C-alpha atoms as a PDB file:
ATOM      1  CA  MET A   1       0.000   0.000   0.000  1.00  0.00           C
ATOM      2  CA  THR A   2       1.344   3.419  -0.868  1.00  0.00           C
ATOM      3  CA  GLU A   3       1.005   6.296   1.487  1.00  0.00           C
ATOM      4  CA  LYS A   4       0.028   9.688   0.119  1.00  0.00           C
ATOM      5  CA  LYS A   5       2.735  12.249   0.807  1.00  0.00           C
ATOM      6  CA  LYS A   6       1.461  15.106   2.911  1.00  0.00           C
ATOM      7  CA  ASN A   7       3.090  18.392   3.613  1.00  0.00           C
ATOM      8  CA  LEU A   8       1.889  21.572   5.226  1.00  0.00           C
ATOM      9  CA  ASP A   9       2.332  23.609   2.030  1.00  0.00           C
ATOM     10  CA  SER A  10      -1.196  22.485   1.156  1.00  0.00           C
ATOM     11  CA  TYR A  11      -2.898  23.283   4.486  1.00  0.00           C
ATOM     12  CA  ILE A  12      -6.303  24.952   4.659  1.00  0.00           C
ATOM     13  CA  PRO A  13      -5.637  28.596   5.634  1.00  0.00           C
ATOM     14  CA  PHE A  14      -8.962  29.237   7.373  1.00  0.00           C
ATOM     15  CA  GLN A  15      -8.151  26.515   9.894  1.00  0.00           C
ATOM     16  CA  LEU A  16      -5.642  28.880  11.505  1.00  0.00           C
ATOM     17  CA  PRO A  17      -6.729  31.802  13.659  1.00  0.00           C
ATOM     18  CA  SER A  18      -5.604  35.322  12.821  1.00  0.00           C
ATOM     19  CA  ALA A  19      -2.003  35.752  13.870  1.00  0.00           C
ATOM     20  CA  GLU A  20      -1.881  39.545  13.784  1.00  0.00           C
ATOM     21  CA  LYS A  21      -1.053  39.838  17.490  1.00  0.00           C
ATOM     22  CA  TYR A  22       1.628  37.143  17.496  1.00  0.00           C
ATOM     23  CA  ARG A  23       5.342  37.862  17.758  1.00  0.00           C
ATOM     24  CA  ILE A  24       7.562  35.231  16.161  1.00  0.00           C
ATOM     25  CA  GLY A  25      11.310  34.698  16.378  1.00  0.00           C
ATOM     26  CA  ILE A  26      13.203  32.981  13.598  1.00  0.00           C
ATOM     27  CA  VAL A  27      16.729  31.698  14.183  1.00  0.00           C
ATOM     28  CA  VAL A  28      18.533  30.894  10.924  1.00  0.00           C
ATOM     29  CA  SER A  29      21.735  28.990  10.278  1.00  0.00           C
ATOM     30  CA  GLU A  30      24.266  30.751   8.045  1.00  0.00           C
ATOM     31  CA  TRP A  31      25.647  27.388   6.910  1.00  0.00           C
ATOM     32  CA  ASN A  32      24.242  26.458   3.470  1.00  0.00           C
ATOM     33  CA  ASP A  33      22.810  29.969   3.337  1.00  0.00           C
ATOM     34  CA  HIS A  34      21.466  29.701  -0.209  1.00  0.00           C
ATOM     35  CA  ILE A  35      19.117  27.034   1.191  1.00  0.00           C
ATOM     36  CA  THR A  36      18.391  28.622   4.568  1.00  0.00           C
ATOM     37  CA  ASP A  37      17.732  32.026   2.962  1.00  0.00           C
ATOM     38  CA  SER A  38      15.046  30.430   0.792  1.00  0.00           C
ATOM     39  CA  LEU A  39      13.535  28.653   3.806  1.00  0.00           C
ATOM     40  CA  LEU A  40      13.566  31.941   5.737  1.00  0.00           C
ATOM     41  CA  GLN A  41      11.823  33.754   2.888  1.00  0.00           C
ATOM     42  CA  GLY A  42       9.146  31.044   2.743  1.00  0.00           C
ATOM     43  CA  ALA A  43       8.577  31.254   6.495  1.00  0.00           C
ATOM     44  CA  ILE A  44       8.314  35.050   6.481  1.00  0.00           C
ATOM     45  CA  GLU A  45       5.904  35.062   3.540  1.00  0.00           C
ATOM     46  CA  ALA A  46       3.670  32.486   5.257  1.00  0.00           C
ATOM     47  CA  LEU A  47       3.654  34.468   8.509  1.00  0.00           C
ATOM     48  CA  LEU A  48       2.785  37.697   6.694  1.00  0.00           C
ATOM     49  CA  GLN A  49      -0.023  35.942   4.818  1.00  0.00           C
ATOM     50  CA  HIS A  50      -1.539  35.054   8.183  1.00  0.00           C
ATOM     51  CA  GLY A  51      -1.552  38.615   9.413  1.00  0.00           C
ATOM     52  CA  ILE A  52       1.634  38.848  11.426  1.00  0.00           C
ATOM     53  CA  LEU A  53       3.049  42.341  11.195  1.00  0.00           C
ATOM     54  CA  LYS A  54       6.518  42.509   9.677  1.00  0.00           C
ATOM     55  CA  GLU A  55       7.801  44.320  12.790  1.00  0.00           C
ATOM     56  CA  ASN A  56       6.621  41.349  14.895  1.00  0.00           C
ATOM     57  CA  ILE A  57       9.019  38.968  13.153  1.00  0.00           C
ATOM     58  CA  VAL A  58      12.456  38.895  14.785  1.00  0.00           C
ATOM     59  CA  VAL A  59      15.188  37.225  12.705  1.00  0.00           C
ATOM     60  CA  LYS A  60      18.582  36.290  14.139  1.00  0.00           C
ATOM     61  CA  HIS A  61      21.392  34.389  12.439  1.00  0.00           C
ATOM     62  CA  VAL A  62      23.711  31.809  13.978  1.00  0.00           C
ATOM     63  CA  PRO A  63      26.785  30.170  12.383  1.00  0.00           C
ATOM     64  CA  GLY A  64      25.338  26.674  11.910  1.00  0.00           C
ATOM     65  CA  SER A  65      22.511  24.327  12.796  1.00  0.00           C
ATOM     66  CA  PHE A  66      24.300  23.173  15.950  1.00  0.00           C
ATOM     67  CA  GLU A  67      23.903  26.716  17.322  1.00  0.00           C
ATOM     68  CA  LEU A  68      20.154  26.939  16.601  1.00  0.00           C
ATOM     69  CA  PRO A  69      19.009  25.766  20.077  1.00  0.00           C
ATOM     70  CA  THR A  70      21.351  28.222  21.823  1.00  0.00           C
ATOM     71  CA  GLY A  71      20.240  31.051  19.542  1.00  0.00           C
ATOM     72  CA  ALA A  72      16.574  30.202  20.184  1.00  0.00           C
ATOM     73  CA  ALA A  73      17.136  30.084  23.954  1.00  0.00           C
ATOM     74  CA  HIS A  74      18.809  33.518  23.913  1.00  0.00           C
ATOM     75  CA  LEU A  75      16.049  34.946  21.741  1.00  0.00           C
ATOM     76  CA  ILE A  76      13.351  33.635  24.088  1.00  0.00           C
ATOM     77  CA  LYS A  77      15.197  35.068  27.090  1.00  0.00           C
ATOM     78  CA  GLN A  78      15.755  38.488  25.498  1.00  0.00           C
ATOM     79  CA  THR A  79      12.408  39.030  23.749  1.00  0.00           C
ATOM     80  CA  THR A  80       8.743  38.352  24.421  1.00  0.00           C
ATOM     81  CA  LEU A  81       7.734  35.848  21.746  1.00  0.00           C
ATOM     82  CA  ASP A  82       4.797  33.572  21.022  1.00  0.00           C
ATOM     83  CA  GLY A  83       6.921  31.069  19.108  1.00  0.00           C
ATOM     84  CA  VAL A  84      10.321  30.438  17.536  1.00  0.00           C
ATOM     85  CA  ILE A  85      11.190  28.762  14.248  1.00  0.00           C
ATOM     86  CA  CYS A  86      14.676  27.231  13.918  1.00  0.00           C
ATOM     87  CA  ILE A  87      15.799  27.073  10.280  1.00  0.00           C
ATOM     88  CA  GLY A  88      18.831  25.106   9.165  1.00  0.00           C
ATOM     89  CA  CYS A  89      20.192  22.754   6.544  1.00  0.00           C
ATOM     90  CA  ILE A  90      22.505  19.822   7.241  1.00  0.00           C
ATOM     91  CA  ILE A  91      23.841  17.883   4.223  1.00  0.00           C
ATOM     92  CA  GLN A  92      25.327  14.399   4.526  1.00  0.00           C
ATOM     93  CA  GLY A  93      29.073  14.405   3.929  1.00  0.00           C
ATOM     94  CA  GLU A  94      31.716  11.733   3.855  1.00  0.00           C
ATOM     95  CA  THR A  95      31.984  11.423   7.641  1.00  0.00           C
ATOM     96  CA  ARG A  96      29.573  10.815  10.516  1.00  0.00           C
ATOM     97  CA  HIS A  97      29.650  14.539  11.425  1.00  0.00           C
ATOM     98  CA  PHE A  98      26.190  14.899   9.819  1.00  0.00           C
ATOM     99  CA  GLU A  99      24.671  12.418  12.293  1.00  0.00           C
ATOM    100  CA  PHE A 100      26.121  14.153  15.341  1.00  0.00           C
ATOM    101  CA  ILE A 101      25.030  17.633  14.262  1.00  0.00           C
ATOM    102  CA  ALA A 102      21.528  16.535  13.235  1.00  0.00           C
ATOM    103  CA  HIS A 103      21.011  14.602  16.470  1.00  0.00           C
ATOM    104  CA  ALA A 104      22.370  17.363  18.718  1.00  0.00           C
ATOM    105  CA  THR A 105      20.254  20.006  16.962  1.00  0.00           C
ATOM    106  CA  ALA A 106      17.067  17.947  17.254  1.00  0.00           C
ATOM    107  CA  GLU A 107      17.762  17.122  20.915  1.00  0.00           C
ATOM    108  CA  GLY A 108      18.456  20.772  21.707  1.00  0.00           C
ATOM    109  CA  ILE A 109      15.186  21.884  20.145  1.00  0.00           C
ATOM    110  CA  ILE A 110      13.254  19.123  21.933  1.00  0.00           C
ATOM    111  CA  HIS A 111      14.815  20.242  25.203  1.00  0.00           C
ATOM    112  CA  LEU A 112      13.740  23.845  24.590  1.00  0.00           C
ATOM    113  CA  ASN A 113      10.178  22.743  23.846  1.00  0.00           C
ATOM    114  CA  LEU A 114      10.003  20.941  27.166  1.00  0.00           C
ATOM    115  CA  GLN A 115      11.565  23.838  29.121  1.00  0.00           C
ATOM    116  CA  GLN A 116      10.090  26.944  27.525  1.00  0.00           C
ATOM    117  CA  GLN A 117       6.585  28.364  27.515  1.00  0.00           C
ATOM    118  CA  VAL A 118       6.642  28.954  23.750  1.00  0.00           C
ATOM    119  CA  PRO A 119       6.783  26.422  20.917  1.00  0.00           C
ATOM    120  CA  VAL A 120      10.170  26.021  19.239  1.00  0.00           C
ATOM    121  CA  ILE A 121       9.842  24.554  15.753  1.00  0.00           C
ATOM    122  CA  PHE A 122      12.378  22.240  14.106  1.00  0.00           C
ATOM    123  CA  SER A 123      12.591  23.474  10.532  1.00  0.00           C
ATOM    124  CA  VAL A 124      15.954  21.924   9.766  1.00  0.00           C
ATOM    125  CA  LEU A 125      16.545  20.029   6.554  1.00  0.00           C
ATOM    126  CA  THR A 126      18.611  16.863   6.984  1.00  0.00           C
ATOM    127  CA  CYS A 127      19.353  15.735   3.442  1.00  0.00           C
ATOM    128  CA  ASP A 128      21.659  13.302   1.712  1.00  0.00           C
ATOM    129  CA  THR A 129      22.381  15.667  -1.180  1.00  0.00           C
ATOM    130  CA  MET A 130      22.279  19.336  -2.044  1.00  0.00           C
ATOM    131  CA  GLN A 131      19.645  18.542  -4.671  1.00  0.00           C
ATOM    132  CA  GLN A 132      17.337  17.158  -1.969  1.00  0.00           C
ATOM    133  CA  ALA A 133      17.809  20.368   0.008  1.00  0.00           C
ATOM    134  CA  GLU A 134      17.080  22.541  -3.037  1.00  0.00           C
ATOM    135  CA  ASP A 135      13.948  20.485  -3.735  1.00  0.00           C
ATOM    136  CA  ARG A 136      12.724  21.268  -0.191  1.00  0.00           C
ATOM    137  CA  ALA A 137      13.701  24.942  -0.199  1.00  0.00           C
ATOM    138  CA  GLY A 138      11.227  26.093  -2.831  1.00  0.00           C
ATOM    139  CA  GLY A 139      11.716  23.306  -5.373  1.00  0.00           C
ATOM    140  CA  LYS A 140       9.534  20.374  -6.333  1.00  0.00           C
ATOM    141  CA  MET A 141       8.982  19.316  -2.705  1.00  0.00           C
ATOM    142  CA  GLY A 142       7.706  22.750  -1.651  1.00  0.00           C
ATOM    143  CA  ASN A 143       9.286  25.050   0.883  1.00  0.00           C
ATOM    144  CA  LYS A 144       9.832  23.574   4.330  1.00  0.00           C
ATOM    145  CA  GLY A 145      10.192  27.108   5.695  1.00  0.00           C
ATOM    146  CA  VAL A 146       6.491  27.561   4.979  1.00  0.00           C
ATOM    147  CA  GLU A 147       5.810  24.331   6.848  1.00  0.00           C
ATOM    148  CA  GLY A 148       7.840  25.583   9.816  1.00  0.00           C
ATOM    149  CA  ALA A 149       5.794  28.791   9.925  1.00  0.00           C
ATOM    150  CA  ILE A 150       2.481  26.913   9.723  1.00  0.00           C
ATOM    151  CA  SER A 151       3.617  24.470  12.420  1.00  0.00           C
ATOM    152  CA  CYS A 152       4.534  27.404  14.633  1.00  0.00           C
ATOM    153  CA  LEU A 153       1.140  29.063  14.145  1.00  0.00           C
ATOM    154  CA  LYS A 154      -0.665  25.787  14.810  1.00  0.00           C
ATOM    155  CA  MET A 155       1.288  25.223  18.025  1.00  0.00           C
ATOM    156  CA  ILE A 156       0.647  28.772  19.221  1.00  0.00           C
ATOM    157  CA  ALA A 157      -3.065  28.258  18.536  1.00  0.00           C
ATOM    158  CA  PHE A 158      -2.863  24.935  20.409  1.00  0.00           C
ATOM    159  CA  ASP A 159      -1.357  26.726  23.407  1.00  0.00           C
ATOM    160  CA  HIS A 160      -4.148  29.328  23.327  1.00  0.00           C
ATOM    161  CA  GLU A 161      -7.071  26.860  23.183  1.00  0.00           C
END
């Protein structure tokens, strides 16, 4: 049996409440910036489409995906936010470095979600090839930055139910 692929690019917009009063932080990895810039743009566009004011989107850059949890923690501590989106891109190389960075980044974001009062979204691509990353950063697989933004809005709405 085949399973239909589902992604949040094709969500139903009216299922989300107005987000005009929300304040969202986005922490973006500078590593693989041609990918993360596209993911960031997708996330910002999705947030704006749902009524978030541009001045209520706080974007901070960190060197790599490993630093995303630390950057998110600092952003939460320094600013009043309703949610944080962590955007990164980790590409498999010739060594096991990829596994360590991907695992540490995911664990750090999980830890923040359990500790903080705001949702912290894992919007980090973990791909085998650059082509896979490009396909997920506005290519044939959609833009996972959009999915990160929609996940963030859904989790904020969940917290406010």
